[in-house]
Amino acid sequence: MAVMNQARLVLASSSPRRRQLLAMFQRPFEVQTSETDESVPGRPHPAELVQTLAARKAGAVLQRLGGRDTLGDPVIVIGADTVVSLDGEILGKPRGHEQAFVMLSRLQGRTHDVYTGLCVLARDTHGAIQQRQGFSRTRVHMSSLNPQQIHAYIATGEPLDKAGAYGIQGYGSILIHRIEGDYFTVVGLPLHLLGRYLEELGCPLLDPQNRPAE
C-alpha cells in the first residue's frame, strides 16, 4: 500500500464527542454520516455487535466515496459504535425521559460495561483496501442515586442521545464513581486503538506534517 500519511481522513459519525476527540490532533478531517441500518439479527455479544456496526458505517461511507478498486487520492475512513451492557443486556439510546429514568435506575449503584467498536478502512491510490478492526471494553461503576438525582440529571437533556442514558464527559461525570479501562472508550472513540491502527496504516495521528500551517 502506498504511503498514507497525506490521505483524506473521514470520520463516519455525526457524534460531536468523536469529532471533538479527533480534532485534538489538529489533523484535518471531514465528517460524513453513514446513514446505515443499525439492526443486527439475533442476540450478538456486545463486542461482536459494535464491531459489526463500526465496519458497516465505515464501509458505507467508503462506498459513497468510490469503494474498492477506485483510482484516486488515498482515503481513510473511521467508523465507530458504542453500546452499554448491563448483565449481558444491551442498553441503547433512550426514546424519551421515561425510558432514560428506567435505564439510569437500573444502572445506579451498579457496575456495567461499555463497548466501543472501531473499524478503519484505508484505500490507496490504486484502489487497494486495508482494514483494521477491533473493540475496547471499559468497566464503569456508577454511584448510588435517588430518584430526585436521576430526574435532575434527565432535566439537563444530556441523556437523550447517549447509549445507556448518560454521558461521562458532561453532566454525567458526577454520576460515575470510577472506571476500569480506557476513558475514551466510554466517550465513544478509543484513541489508543485508533492511534495504533492509523500508525499501522501509515497515517500516524502525531505526525507534525499532518497539522495545518499556523
Protein backbone atom coordinates (compact mmCIF):
# COMPACT_ATOMS: atom_id res chain seq x y z
CA MET A 1 0.00 0.00 0.00
CA ALA A 2 1.18 3.49 -0.85
CA VAL A 3 2.22 5.86 1.92
CA MET A 4 -0.99 7.14 3.51
CA ASN A 5 0.23 10.00 5.68
CA GLN A 6 -1.42 12.57 3.38
CA ALA A 7 -4.64 10.60 2.93
CA ARG A 8 -8.03 12.25 3.06
CA LEU A 9 -9.31 11.41 6.56
CA VAL A 10 -13.05 10.89 7.02
CA LEU A 11 -14.94 10.29 10.27
CA ALA A 12 -18.06 8.23 9.56
CA SER A 13 -20.01 9.60 12.51
CA SER A 14 -22.19 12.56 13.41
CA SER A 15 -21.22 12.30 17.09
CA PRO A 16 -19.92 15.64 18.38
CA ARG A 17 -17.89 13.77 21.02
CA ARG A 18 -15.99 11.74 18.42
CA ARG A 19 -15.47 14.85 16.32
CA GLN A 20 -14.02 16.74 19.29
CA LEU A 21 -11.65 13.93 20.19
CA LEU A 22 -10.29 13.57 16.66
CA ALA A 23 -9.93 17.34 16.34
CA MET A 24 -7.49 17.37 19.29
CA PHE A 25 -4.75 16.10 17.00
CA GLN A 26 -5.05 19.07 14.60
CA ARG A 27 -5.05 16.73 11.65
CA PRO A 28 -7.55 17.92 9.00
CA PHE A 29 -10.54 15.60 8.60
CA GLU A 30 -14.11 15.70 7.39
CA VAL A 31 -17.31 14.22 8.75
CA GLN A 32 -19.74 12.10 6.75
CA THR A 33 -22.62 10.28 8.40
CA SER A 34 -23.12 6.69 7.28
CA GLU A 35 -26.94 6.61 7.45
CA THR A 36 -26.85 2.80 7.61
CA ASP A 37 -29.28 0.31 9.07
CA GLU A 38 -28.09 -0.47 12.62
CA SER A 39 -30.24 -3.55 13.15
CA VAL A 40 -28.39 -6.83 13.68
CA PRO A 41 -30.29 -10.14 13.76
CA GLY A 42 -30.11 -12.48 16.75
CA ARG A 43 -28.50 -11.55 20.04
CA PRO A 44 -24.84 -10.91 19.26
CA HIS A 45 -22.32 -10.35 22.03
CA PRO A 46 -21.76 -6.62 22.59
CA ALA A 47 -18.18 -6.90 21.30
CA GLU A 48 -19.42 -8.51 18.10
CA LEU A 49 -22.25 -6.01 17.70
CA VAL A 50 -20.11 -2.87 17.97
CA GLN A 51 -17.52 -4.24 15.53
CA THR A 52 -20.22 -5.19 13.03
CA LEU A 53 -21.81 -1.74 13.17
CA ALA A 54 -18.49 0.13 13.09
CA ALA A 55 -17.49 -1.80 9.97
CA ARG A 56 -20.91 -1.20 8.40
CA LYS A 57 -20.63 2.56 8.98
CA ALA A 58 -17.08 2.82 7.65
CA GLY A 59 -17.91 0.63 4.67
CA ALA A 60 -20.98 2.68 3.72
CA VAL A 61 -19.01 5.92 3.69
CA LEU A 62 -16.09 4.42 1.76
CA GLN A 63 -18.51 3.06 -0.82
CA ARG A 64 -20.01 6.52 -1.18
CA LEU A 65 -16.52 7.88 -1.77
CA GLY A 66 -15.83 5.36 -4.51
CA GLY A 67 -15.42 1.96 -2.92
CA ARG A 68 -12.99 -0.78 -3.84
CA ASP A 69 -10.78 -0.61 -6.95
CA THR A 70 -11.45 3.10 -7.36
CA LEU A 71 -8.43 5.08 -8.51
CA GLY A 72 -7.83 8.47 -6.96
CA ASP A 73 -6.49 10.16 -3.88
CA PRO A 74 -5.88 7.93 -0.85
CA VAL A 75 -8.61 7.97 1.77
CA ILE A 76 -9.02 6.65 5.31
CA VAL A 77 -12.47 6.20 6.85
CA ILE A 78 -13.04 5.78 10.59
CA GLY A 79 -16.19 4.07 11.84
CA ALA A 80 -17.15 3.57 15.49
CA ASP A 81 -20.07 2.30 17.52
CA THR A 82 -20.70 2.29 21.28
CA VAL A 83 -23.09 0.34 23.49
CA VAL A 84 -23.71 -0.06 27.20
CA SER A 85 -24.14 -3.59 28.52
CA LEU A 86 -25.72 -4.48 31.87
CA ASP A 87 -25.79 -8.17 32.81
CA GLY A 88 -25.42 -9.03 29.13
CA GLU A 89 -28.33 -6.82 28.03
CA ILE A 90 -27.53 -4.03 25.61
CA LEU A 91 -28.88 -0.60 26.52
CA GLY A 92 -29.15 1.77 23.58
CA LYS A 93 -30.24 5.39 23.46
CA PRO A 94 -33.43 6.12 25.43
CA ARG A 95 -36.52 7.06 23.43
CA GLY A 96 -37.62 9.64 25.97
CA HIS A 97 -37.43 10.83 29.58
CA GLU A 98 -39.32 7.84 30.95
CA GLN A 99 -37.02 5.30 29.35
CA ALA A 100 -33.98 7.31 30.42
CA PHE A 101 -35.24 7.16 34.02
CA VAL A 102 -35.69 3.38 33.79
CA MET A 103 -32.17 2.90 32.39
CA LEU A 104 -30.49 5.10 34.97
CA SER A 105 -32.48 3.46 37.77
CA ARG A 106 -31.10 0.11 36.66
CA LEU A 107 -27.52 1.37 36.29
CA GLN A 108 -27.30 3.36 39.54
CA GLY A 109 -25.23 1.74 42.26
CA ARG A 110 -24.02 -0.99 39.91
CA THR A 111 -21.20 -1.83 37.53
CA HIS A 112 -21.73 -2.12 33.79
CA ASP A 113 -19.62 -2.45 30.65
CA VAL A 114 -19.18 -0.02 27.79
CA TYR A 115 -18.02 -1.43 24.46
CA THR A 116 -16.82 0.67 21.55
CA GLY A 117 -16.08 -0.99 18.23
CA LEU A 118 -13.66 0.62 15.79
CA CYS A 119 -13.15 0.00 12.08
CA VAL A 120 -10.61 1.85 9.95
CA LEU A 121 -10.65 1.37 6.18
CA ALA A 122 -7.75 2.70 4.09
CA ARG A 123 -7.91 2.87 0.29
CA ASP A 124 -4.71 3.76 -1.58
CA THR A 125 -4.28 5.45 -4.96
CA HIS A 126 -4.59 2.10 -6.74
CA GLY A 127 -7.90 1.22 -5.11
CA ALA A 128 -6.45 -1.41 -2.77
CA ILE A 129 -8.11 -1.50 0.65
CA GLN A 130 -6.71 -2.41 4.05
CA GLN A 131 -8.84 -2.82 7.15
CA ARG A 132 -8.18 -2.63 10.86
CA GLN A 133 -10.97 -3.64 13.20
CA GLY A 134 -11.41 -4.32 16.90
CA PHE A 135 -13.07 -3.15 20.08
CA SER A 136 -12.34 -1.76 23.52
CA ARG A 137 -14.21 -2.52 26.74
CA THR A 138 -14.34 -0.44 29.93
CA ARG A 139 -15.98 -1.27 33.24
CA VAL A 140 -17.97 1.63 34.69
CA HIS A 141 -19.02 1.91 38.34
CA MET A 142 -21.97 4.26 38.78
CA SER A 143 -22.75 5.84 42.14
CA SER A 144 -25.97 5.14 44.01
CA LEU A 145 -28.61 7.69 43.02
CA ASN A 146 -32.04 8.54 44.35
CA PRO A 147 -35.00 9.33 42.04
CA GLN A 148 -34.62 13.08 42.57
CA GLN A 149 -30.99 12.97 41.42
CA ILE A 150 -31.92 10.93 38.36
CA HIS A 151 -34.72 13.31 37.42
CA ALA A 152 -32.38 16.30 37.89
CA TYR A 153 -29.86 14.74 35.52
CA ILE A 154 -32.50 13.91 32.91
CA ALA A 155 -33.70 17.53 33.07
CA THR A 156 -30.35 18.63 31.61
CA GLY A 157 -31.33 16.88 28.38
CA GLU A 158 -27.95 15.18 28.16
CA PRO A 159 -29.12 11.53 28.50
CA LEU A 160 -31.44 11.53 25.50
CA ASP A 161 -28.83 10.95 22.77
CA LYS A 162 -26.47 8.74 24.76
CA ALA A 163 -26.21 4.96 24.95
CA GLY A 164 -27.22 3.94 28.46
CA ALA A 165 -28.74 7.41 29.03
CA TYR A 166 -25.61 9.14 30.33
CA GLY A 167 -22.52 10.95 29.10
CA ILE A 168 -19.33 10.59 31.12
CA GLN A 169 -17.76 13.66 29.54
CA GLY A 170 -20.59 16.03 30.55
CA TYR A 171 -23.01 16.44 33.44
CA GLY A 172 -22.99 12.66 33.78
CA SER A 173 -19.41 12.78 35.07
CA ILE A 174 -20.73 13.32 38.60
CA LEU A 175 -22.66 10.03 38.39
CA ILE A 176 -19.55 7.89 37.83
CA HIS A 177 -17.65 6.64 40.86
CA ARG A 178 -14.76 5.09 38.91
CA ILE A 179 -13.88 3.20 35.76
CA GLU A 180 -11.60 0.30 34.89
CA GLY A 181 -10.17 0.73 31.43
CA ASP A 182 -9.98 3.43 28.81
CA TYR A 183 -11.96 6.61 29.46
CA PHE A 184 -12.21 7.39 25.74
CA THR A 185 -13.93 4.07 25.13
CA VAL A 186 -16.80 5.37 27.27
CA VAL A 187 -16.84 8.68 25.39
CA GLY A 188 -17.09 6.74 22.12
CA LEU A 189 -13.70 6.74 20.39
CA PRO A 190 -10.87 4.61 21.90
CA LEU A 191 -7.92 6.79 20.97
CA HIS A 192 -5.25 4.23 21.89
CA LEU A 193 -6.76 1.76 19.43
CA LEU A 194 -7.32 4.39 16.75
CA GLY A 195 -3.75 5.64 17.09
CA ARG A 196 -2.38 2.12 16.69
CA TYR A 197 -4.48 1.40 13.61
CA LEU A 198 -3.56 4.66 11.89
CA GLU A 199 0.12 4.11 12.70
CA GLU A 200 -0.05 0.66 11.10
CA LEU A 201 -1.71 2.15 8.03
CA GLY A 202 0.97 4.79 7.59
CA CYS A 203 -1.01 7.78 8.85
CA PRO A 204 0.12 8.49 12.44
CA LEU A 205 -2.02 10.96 14.35
CA LEU A 206 1.03 12.63 15.88
CA ASP A 207 2.84 13.28 12.57
CA PRO A 208 3.66 17.05 12.55
CA GLN A 209 3.33 17.08 8.75
CA ASN A 210 -0.37 16.42 9.11
CA ARG A 211 -1.04 19.55 11.15
CA PRO A 212 -2.34 22.71 9.47
CA ALA A 213 0.11 25.57 8.97
CA GLU A 214 -0.04 28.21 11.69
